[in-house]
N, C-alpha and C. Protein backbone atom coordinates (compact mmCIF):
# COMPACT_ATOMS: atom_id res chain seq x y z
N UNK A 1 130.90 103.76 102.77
CA UNK A 1 130.56 104.21 101.38
C UNK A 1 131.59 104.06 100.53
N UNK A 2 131.26 103.45 99.43
CA UNK A 2 131.49 102.87 98.27
C UNK A 2 132.12 104.20 97.53
N UNK A 3 133.67 103.80 97.15
CA UNK A 3 134.02 104.91 96.41
C UNK A 3 133.79 104.43 94.77
N UNK A 4 132.62 103.72 94.00
CA UNK A 4 132.24 103.71 93.03
C UNK A 4 131.19 103.83 92.46
N UNK A 5 130.62 104.58 91.30
CA UNK A 5 129.54 105.43 91.12
C UNK A 5 128.27 104.64 91.46
N UNK A 6 127.10 104.90 91.59
CA UNK A 6 125.86 104.06 91.46
C UNK A 6 125.89 103.33 90.08
N UNK A 7 125.33 102.02 90.01
CA UNK A 7 124.95 101.03 89.13
C UNK A 7 124.32 101.62 87.59
N UNK A 8 123.23 102.31 88.08
CA UNK A 8 122.41 103.02 87.20
C UNK A 8 121.24 101.57 87.04
N UNK A 9 120.67 101.38 86.16
CA UNK A 9 120.09 100.22 85.16
C UNK A 9 120.72 99.63 84.69
N UNK A 10 119.92 98.54 84.27
CA UNK A 10 120.29 97.22 83.37
C UNK A 10 121.36 97.46 82.07
N UNK A 11 120.70 97.88 81.56
CA UNK A 11 121.38 98.18 80.30
C UNK A 11 122.70 99.18 80.41
N UNK A 12 122.83 100.50 81.38
CA UNK A 12 124.09 100.63 81.76
C UNK A 12 125.32 99.47 82.42
N UNK A 13 124.46 98.88 82.89
CA UNK A 13 125.58 98.13 83.72
C UNK A 13 126.12 97.12 82.88
N UNK A 14 125.01 96.60 82.06
CA UNK A 14 125.70 95.63 81.03
C UNK A 14 125.95 95.94 79.60
N UNK A 15 125.73 97.12 78.98
CA UNK A 15 126.25 97.73 77.68
C UNK A 15 127.18 98.95 78.09
N UNK A 16 127.11 99.55 79.30
CA UNK A 16 127.91 100.81 79.23
C UNK A 16 129.28 100.68 79.34
N UNK A 17 129.93 101.76 79.32
CA UNK A 17 131.65 101.81 79.87
C UNK A 17 132.04 102.04 81.30
N UNK A 18 131.32 102.54 82.21
CA UNK A 18 130.98 103.05 83.73
C UNK A 18 131.02 101.71 84.86
N UNK A 19 132.55 101.72 85.13
CA UNK A 19 132.89 100.49 86.35
C UNK A 19 131.87 100.88 87.55
N UNK A 20 131.03 99.69 87.91
CA UNK A 20 129.72 99.91 88.49
C UNK A 20 129.77 98.51 89.55
N UNK A 21 130.84 98.22 89.97
CA UNK A 21 130.86 96.68 90.74
C UNK A 21 129.83 96.49 91.61
N UNK A 22 129.22 95.40 91.50
CA UNK A 22 128.18 94.98 92.71
C UNK A 22 128.61 93.83 93.47
N UNK A 23 128.84 94.14 94.87
CA UNK A 23 129.14 93.39 95.55
C UNK A 23 128.04 92.40 96.64
N UNK A 24 128.55 91.39 97.12
CA UNK A 24 127.64 90.40 97.85
C UNK A 24 126.57 91.07 98.94
N UNK A 25 125.99 90.31 99.53
CA UNK A 25 125.39 90.81 100.75
C UNK A 25 126.35 90.83 101.91
N UNK A 26 127.08 90.17 101.72
CA UNK A 26 128.38 90.41 102.72
C UNK A 26 129.90 91.60 102.17
N UNK A 27 129.18 92.30 101.11
CA UNK A 27 130.18 93.11 100.78
C UNK A 27 131.25 93.20 99.87
N UNK A 28 131.28 91.48 99.20
CA UNK A 28 132.19 91.14 98.38
C UNK A 28 131.80 90.66 97.44
N UNK A 29 133.02 90.43 96.28
CA UNK A 29 132.66 89.84 94.72
C UNK A 29 133.84 89.00 94.88
N UNK A 30 133.50 87.67 93.83
CA UNK A 30 135.09 86.71 94.02
C UNK A 30 135.62 87.72 93.00
N UNK A 31 136.79 86.86 92.73
CA UNK A 31 138.12 87.49 91.90
C UNK A 31 139.42 86.84 91.21
N UNK A 32 139.40 86.11 90.11
CA UNK A 32 139.79 85.23 90.16
C UNK A 32 141.28 85.80 89.15
N UNK A 33 142.34 85.44 89.85
CA UNK A 33 143.79 85.83 89.52
C UNK A 33 144.13 84.41 88.37
N UNK A 34 144.72 85.29 87.10
CA UNK A 34 144.85 83.98 86.39
C UNK A 34 146.17 85.18 85.52
N UNK A 35 147.16 83.81 85.48
CA UNK A 35 148.52 84.50 84.65
C UNK A 35 148.36 85.03 83.42
N UNK A 36 148.98 86.34 83.53
CA UNK A 36 148.64 87.18 81.84
C UNK A 36 149.28 86.34 80.54
N UNK A 37 150.44 85.73 81.24
CA UNK A 37 151.20 85.09 80.11
C UNK A 37 150.75 83.60 79.50
N UNK A 38 150.45 82.47 80.89
CA UNK A 38 149.91 81.65 80.48
C UNK A 38 148.96 81.28 79.97
N UNK A 39 148.06 81.90 81.22
CA UNK A 39 146.34 82.06 81.04
C UNK A 39 146.24 80.46 81.92
N UNK A 40 146.67 80.19 82.96
CA UNK A 40 146.56 79.42 83.69
C UNK A 40 146.17 80.16 84.94
N UNK A 41 145.00 79.56 85.62
CA UNK A 41 144.56 80.13 86.68
C UNK A 41 145.35 79.76 88.09
N UNK A 42 145.36 81.11 88.60
CA UNK A 42 146.22 80.82 90.00
C UNK A 42 145.52 80.92 91.27
N UNK A 43 144.41 81.53 91.73
CA UNK A 43 143.56 81.52 92.70
C UNK A 43 142.57 82.07 92.61
N UNK A 44 141.37 82.42 93.21
CA UNK A 44 140.32 82.48 93.58
C UNK A 44 140.25 83.18 95.09
N UNK A 45 140.01 84.55 95.15
CA UNK A 45 140.16 85.13 95.95
C UNK A 45 138.66 85.85 96.16
N UNK A 46 138.42 87.17 97.69
CA UNK A 46 137.43 88.02 97.51
C UNK A 46 138.21 89.22 97.34
N UNK A 47 137.30 90.14 96.74
CA UNK A 47 137.55 91.79 97.27
C UNK A 47 136.07 92.41 97.53
N UNK A 48 136.39 93.14 98.63
CA UNK A 48 135.57 94.47 98.84
C UNK A 48 135.46 95.61 98.36
N UNK A 49 134.72 96.41 98.29
CA UNK A 49 135.14 97.88 97.89
C UNK A 49 136.53 98.61 98.30
N UNK A 50 136.97 98.44 99.62
CA UNK A 50 138.44 98.96 99.80
C UNK A 50 139.15 98.12 99.05
N UNK A 51 139.35 97.05 99.32
CA UNK A 51 140.48 95.86 98.14
C UNK A 51 140.45 96.53 97.04
N UNK A 52 139.39 96.07 96.24
CA UNK A 52 139.21 96.47 95.02
C UNK A 52 139.56 98.06 94.26
N UNK A 53 139.57 98.83 95.02
CA UNK A 53 139.86 100.25 95.04
C UNK A 53 141.41 100.65 95.35
N UNK A 54 141.90 99.19 96.48
CA UNK A 54 143.17 99.16 96.38
C UNK A 54 144.47 98.46 95.70
N UNK A 55 143.74 97.95 94.94
CA UNK A 55 144.15 97.03 93.59
C UNK A 55 144.16 98.25 92.34
N UNK A 56 143.35 98.56 92.01
CA UNK A 56 142.95 99.89 91.01
C UNK A 56 144.26 101.12 91.10
N UNK A 57 144.51 101.36 92.53
CA UNK A 57 145.16 102.21 92.85
C UNK A 57 147.23 101.84 92.94
N UNK A 58 146.97 100.50 93.30
CA UNK A 58 148.68 100.20 93.50
C UNK A 58 148.99 99.29 92.11
N UNK A 59 148.07 98.73 91.28
CA UNK A 59 148.55 97.72 90.26
C UNK A 59 148.83 96.55 90.95
N UNK A 60 148.81 95.92 92.21
CA UNK A 60 148.75 95.21 92.49
C UNK A 60 147.59 94.39 93.21
N UNK A 61 147.41 93.16 93.00
CA UNK A 61 146.09 92.51 93.62
C UNK A 61 146.19 92.41 95.13
N UNK A 62 144.96 93.05 95.73
CA UNK A 62 144.86 93.46 97.05
C UNK A 62 143.35 92.62 97.71
N UNK A 63 143.30 92.11 98.08
CA UNK A 63 142.37 90.66 98.67
C UNK A 63 141.17 91.12 99.98
N UNK A 64 140.16 90.37 100.27
CA UNK A 64 139.45 90.41 101.37
C UNK A 64 139.97 89.36 102.13
N UNK A 65 140.43 88.89 102.83
CA UNK A 65 140.66 87.82 103.73
C UNK A 65 139.34 87.33 104.35
N UNK A 66 138.52 86.42 104.09
CA UNK A 66 137.52 85.90 104.56
C UNK A 66 137.47 85.13 106.01
N UNK A 67 138.93 84.76 106.41
CA UNK A 67 139.08 84.09 107.56
C UNK A 67 139.87 84.67 108.38
N UNK A 68 140.49 86.10 108.07
CA UNK A 68 140.87 87.26 109.19
C UNK A 68 140.37 87.81 109.23
N UNK A 69 139.54 88.04 107.87
CA UNK A 69 138.25 89.44 108.11
C UNK A 69 139.35 90.56 107.79
N UNK A 70 140.21 91.03 107.18
CA UNK A 70 140.92 91.77 106.78
C UNK A 70 141.48 92.40 106.05
N UNK A 71 142.00 93.20 104.66
CA UNK A 71 142.50 94.03 104.15
C UNK A 71 143.97 92.75 103.86
N UNK A 72 144.59 92.27 102.46
CA UNK A 72 145.23 91.21 102.49
C UNK A 72 146.12 91.28 101.25
N UNK A 73 146.87 92.49 101.38
CA UNK A 73 147.77 92.76 99.86
C UNK A 73 148.87 91.33 99.73
N UNK A 74 148.45 90.92 98.61
CA UNK A 74 149.05 89.64 98.05
C UNK A 74 150.40 89.83 97.94
N UNK A 75 151.44 88.91 98.65
CA UNK A 75 152.61 89.06 98.42
C UNK A 75 153.20 89.77 99.73
N UNK A 76 152.21 90.39 100.36
CA UNK A 76 153.07 91.88 101.29
C UNK A 76 153.98 90.48 102.77
N UNK A 77 153.46 88.98 103.08
CA UNK A 77 154.62 88.68 103.80
C UNK A 77 154.92 87.66 103.07
N UNK A 78 155.04 87.10 101.64
CA UNK A 78 155.58 86.24 101.22
C UNK A 78 156.71 86.75 100.06
N UNK A 79 156.05 87.97 99.66
CA UNK A 79 156.70 88.63 98.61
C UNK A 79 156.87 88.01 97.21
N UNK A 80 155.55 87.11 97.15
CA UNK A 80 155.25 86.67 95.96
C UNK A 80 154.03 87.55 95.23
N UNK A 81 154.31 89.13 95.34
CA UNK A 81 153.35 89.83 94.95
C UNK A 81 152.42 89.42 93.39
N UNK A 82 151.25 89.86 92.93
CA UNK A 82 151.01 89.95 91.65
C UNK A 82 150.39 91.05 91.15
N UNK A 83 151.43 91.45 90.28
CA UNK A 83 151.34 92.55 89.22
C UNK A 83 150.11 93.01 88.50
N UNK A 84 148.78 93.28 88.26
CA UNK A 84 147.86 93.31 87.43
C UNK A 84 148.84 94.20 86.19
N UNK A 85 147.79 93.57 85.12
CA UNK A 85 148.06 93.35 83.50
C UNK A 85 146.84 93.96 82.81
N UNK A 86 145.69 93.13 83.54
CA UNK A 86 144.65 93.68 82.81
C UNK A 86 143.12 93.23 83.75
N UNK A 87 142.28 93.66 84.15
CA UNK A 87 141.01 93.30 84.78
C UNK A 87 139.80 93.59 84.22
N UNK A 88 138.96 92.36 84.30
CA UNK A 88 137.83 92.22 83.28
C UNK A 88 136.58 91.70 84.40
N UNK A 89 135.90 92.45 83.94
CA UNK A 89 134.28 92.11 84.92
C UNK A 89 133.14 91.30 83.79
N UNK A 90 132.68 90.63 84.26
CA UNK A 90 131.41 90.10 83.93
C UNK A 90 130.34 91.05 83.63
N UNK A 91 129.53 90.67 82.78
CA UNK A 91 128.45 91.20 82.18
C UNK A 91 127.50 92.20 83.74
N UNK A 92 127.08 91.47 84.41
CA UNK A 92 126.57 92.21 85.43
C UNK A 92 127.57 93.16 86.39
N UNK A 93 129.05 92.76 86.54
CA UNK A 93 129.89 93.53 87.15
C UNK A 93 129.71 92.81 88.76
N UNK A 94 129.49 91.50 88.87
CA UNK A 94 129.66 90.63 89.92
C UNK A 94 130.27 90.14 90.42
N UNK A 95 131.70 89.62 89.50
CA UNK A 95 132.61 89.01 89.73
C UNK A 95 133.97 89.82 88.52
N UNK A 96 135.10 89.47 89.01
CA UNK A 96 136.36 89.92 87.99
C UNK A 96 137.08 88.97 87.83
N UNK A 97 137.78 88.94 86.87
CA UNK A 97 139.40 88.49 86.43
C UNK A 97 140.06 89.54 86.74
N UNK A 98 141.41 88.91 87.30
CA UNK A 98 142.48 89.81 87.59
C UNK A 98 143.98 89.17 86.47
N UNK A 99 144.37 89.63 85.31
CA UNK A 99 145.27 89.19 84.74
C UNK A 99 146.84 89.55 85.17
N UNK A 100 147.71 88.87 85.91
CA UNK A 100 148.61 88.96 86.62
C UNK A 100 149.55 88.26 86.65
N UNK A 101 151.00 89.30 86.58
CA UNK A 101 152.24 88.86 86.71
C UNK A 101 152.51 88.26 87.74
N UNK A 102 152.04 87.22 88.10
CA UNK A 102 152.98 86.50 89.06
C UNK A 102 154.11 86.60 89.23
N UNK A 103 154.74 87.58 90.54
CA UNK A 103 156.41 87.83 90.81
C UNK A 103 156.39 86.75 92.42
N UNK A 104 157.45 86.06 92.26
CA UNK A 104 157.76 85.14 92.95
C UNK A 104 157.64 83.71 92.82
N UNK A 105 157.89 82.80 93.45
CA UNK A 105 157.56 81.69 93.03
C UNK A 105 156.16 80.83 92.69
N UNK A 106 155.08 81.20 93.36
CA UNK A 106 154.13 80.90 93.08
C UNK A 106 152.72 81.90 94.14
N UNK A 107 151.52 81.37 93.63
CA UNK A 107 150.22 82.32 93.93
C UNK A 107 149.88 81.38 95.45
N UNK A 108 149.81 80.17 95.80
CA UNK A 108 149.14 79.53 96.79
C UNK A 108 149.90 79.27 97.68
N UNK A 109 149.53 79.04 99.24
CA UNK A 109 149.75 78.84 99.99
C UNK A 109 150.53 77.35 100.88
N UNK A 110 150.12 76.62 99.71
CA UNK A 110 150.80 75.62 99.89
C UNK A 110 152.11 75.35 99.52
N UNK A 111 152.35 76.24 98.87
CA UNK A 111 154.02 76.50 97.71
C UNK A 111 154.02 75.97 96.60
N UNK A 112 152.91 75.85 96.19
CA UNK A 112 152.41 75.72 94.58
C UNK A 112 152.48 76.94 93.87
N UNK A 113 152.72 76.90 92.42
CA UNK A 113 152.30 78.10 91.96
C UNK A 113 151.12 78.88 91.91
N UNK A 114 149.76 77.54 91.61
CA UNK A 114 148.62 78.08 91.38
C UNK A 114 147.83 77.56 92.49
N UNK A 115 146.49 78.04 92.87
CA UNK A 115 145.57 76.95 94.07
C UNK A 115 144.76 75.87 93.22
N UNK A 116 145.20 75.91 91.92
CA UNK A 116 144.50 75.06 91.14
C UNK A 116 145.54 73.80 90.93
N UNK A 117 145.88 73.20 91.32
CA UNK A 117 146.98 72.10 91.44
C UNK A 117 146.32 70.63 90.87
N UNK A 118 145.10 70.39 91.48
CA UNK A 118 144.63 69.06 91.24
C UNK A 118 143.29 69.06 90.19
N UNK A 119 143.13 68.15 89.62
CA UNK A 119 142.65 68.07 88.84
C UNK A 119 141.12 66.81 88.75
N UNK A 120 140.04 67.10 88.51
CA UNK A 120 138.77 65.74 89.16
C UNK A 120 138.71 64.91 87.82
N UNK A 121 138.60 63.60 88.07
CA UNK A 121 137.99 63.20 86.84
C UNK A 121 136.69 62.82 86.94
N UNK A 122 135.88 63.13 86.10
CA UNK A 122 134.47 63.66 86.10
C UNK A 122 133.66 62.03 86.08
N UNK A 123 134.23 61.42 85.49
CA UNK A 123 133.48 60.03 85.63
C UNK A 123 133.69 58.91 87.03
N UNK A 124 134.98 59.21 87.94
CA UNK A 124 135.52 58.69 88.98
C UNK A 124 134.91 59.69 90.14
N UNK A 125 135.30 60.32 90.02
CA UNK A 125 135.41 61.72 91.05
C UNK A 125 136.81 61.78 91.38
N UNK A 126 137.76 61.25 91.17
CA UNK A 126 138.88 61.42 91.80
C UNK A 126 140.07 62.28 91.11
N UNK A 127 140.67 62.34 92.38
CA UNK A 127 141.39 63.66 92.41
C UNK A 127 143.29 63.36 91.80
N UNK A 128 143.42 63.87 90.73
CA UNK A 128 145.09 63.73 90.53
C UNK A 128 145.81 65.27 90.73
N UNK A 129 146.98 65.34 90.64
CA UNK A 129 147.82 66.18 90.57
C UNK A 129 148.11 66.84 88.83
N UNK A 130 148.32 68.27 88.70
CA UNK A 130 148.57 68.53 87.44
C UNK A 130 149.94 68.80 87.30
N UNK A 131 150.41 69.34 88.67
CA UNK A 131 151.47 70.13 88.62
C UNK A 131 152.95 68.76 89.53
N UNK A 132 153.86 68.31 89.34
CA UNK A 132 154.67 67.87 90.63
C UNK A 132 155.22 68.82 90.81
N UNK A 133 155.27 68.82 92.50
CA UNK A 133 156.31 69.07 93.36
C UNK A 133 155.58 70.30 93.81
N UNK A 134 156.51 71.49 94.70
CA UNK A 134 155.93 72.68 95.35
C UNK A 134 157.22 73.79 94.34
N UNK A 135 156.88 74.50 94.18
CA UNK A 135 157.71 75.63 93.69
C UNK A 135 158.38 76.57 95.13
N UNK A 136 157.44 76.41 96.30
CA UNK A 136 158.84 77.00 97.31
C UNK A 136 158.27 76.36 98.36
N UNK A 137 159.05 76.72 99.37
CA UNK A 137 158.74 75.73 100.98
C UNK A 137 157.89 76.78 101.78
N UNK A 138 156.64 76.42 101.79
CA UNK A 138 155.66 77.40 102.47
C UNK A 138 155.92 77.18 104.03
N UNK A 139 156.52 76.35 104.62
CA UNK A 139 157.45 76.30 105.75
C UNK A 139 158.13 78.12 106.00
N UNK A 140 159.21 78.16 105.14
CA UNK A 140 160.32 78.91 105.31
C UNK A 140 159.18 80.46 104.88
N UNK A 141 158.65 80.49 103.93
CA UNK A 141 157.89 81.46 103.76
C UNK A 141 157.04 82.26 104.78
N UNK A 142 155.89 81.08 105.01
CA UNK A 142 154.97 81.68 106.23
C UNK A 142 155.36 80.86 107.66
N UNK A 143 156.67 80.11 107.66
CA UNK A 143 156.08 79.43 109.21
C UNK A 143 155.05 78.14 109.68
N UNK A 144 154.52 77.98 108.46
CA UNK A 144 153.30 77.19 108.90
C UNK A 144 153.66 76.29 107.13
N UNK A 145 153.19 74.59 107.12
CA UNK A 145 152.17 74.22 105.70
C UNK A 145 151.21 74.26 106.05
């Protein structure tokens, strides 16, 4: 059972001030974490109603891990917590952006500051790195690379 109010009609969803998130058929919605200061994208994850409610209550990002099928409080293992500065939703309230203060060395499990560390050349389809090196050693933080 959702802790969020009923969505109402299209006008209420798109023009009203009531937060009535829409989750997909798996009960999830995409959540994009962006550094509140630099505006750089950090990561894309998913939230279910429980993780979204926990995020609102804690003031820190809490996601749903699709691979582990469990609630994932970002930073619980690594210490690299995401403190919420602002949350935005799109017009039909089925996606959110989290502007966060990234505490710790980085947001990505690969050891980088964020998960979007490569860019794709549209003409060739080849990728290149947009940042040099890693912000932390994932082996020492997670026990795996």
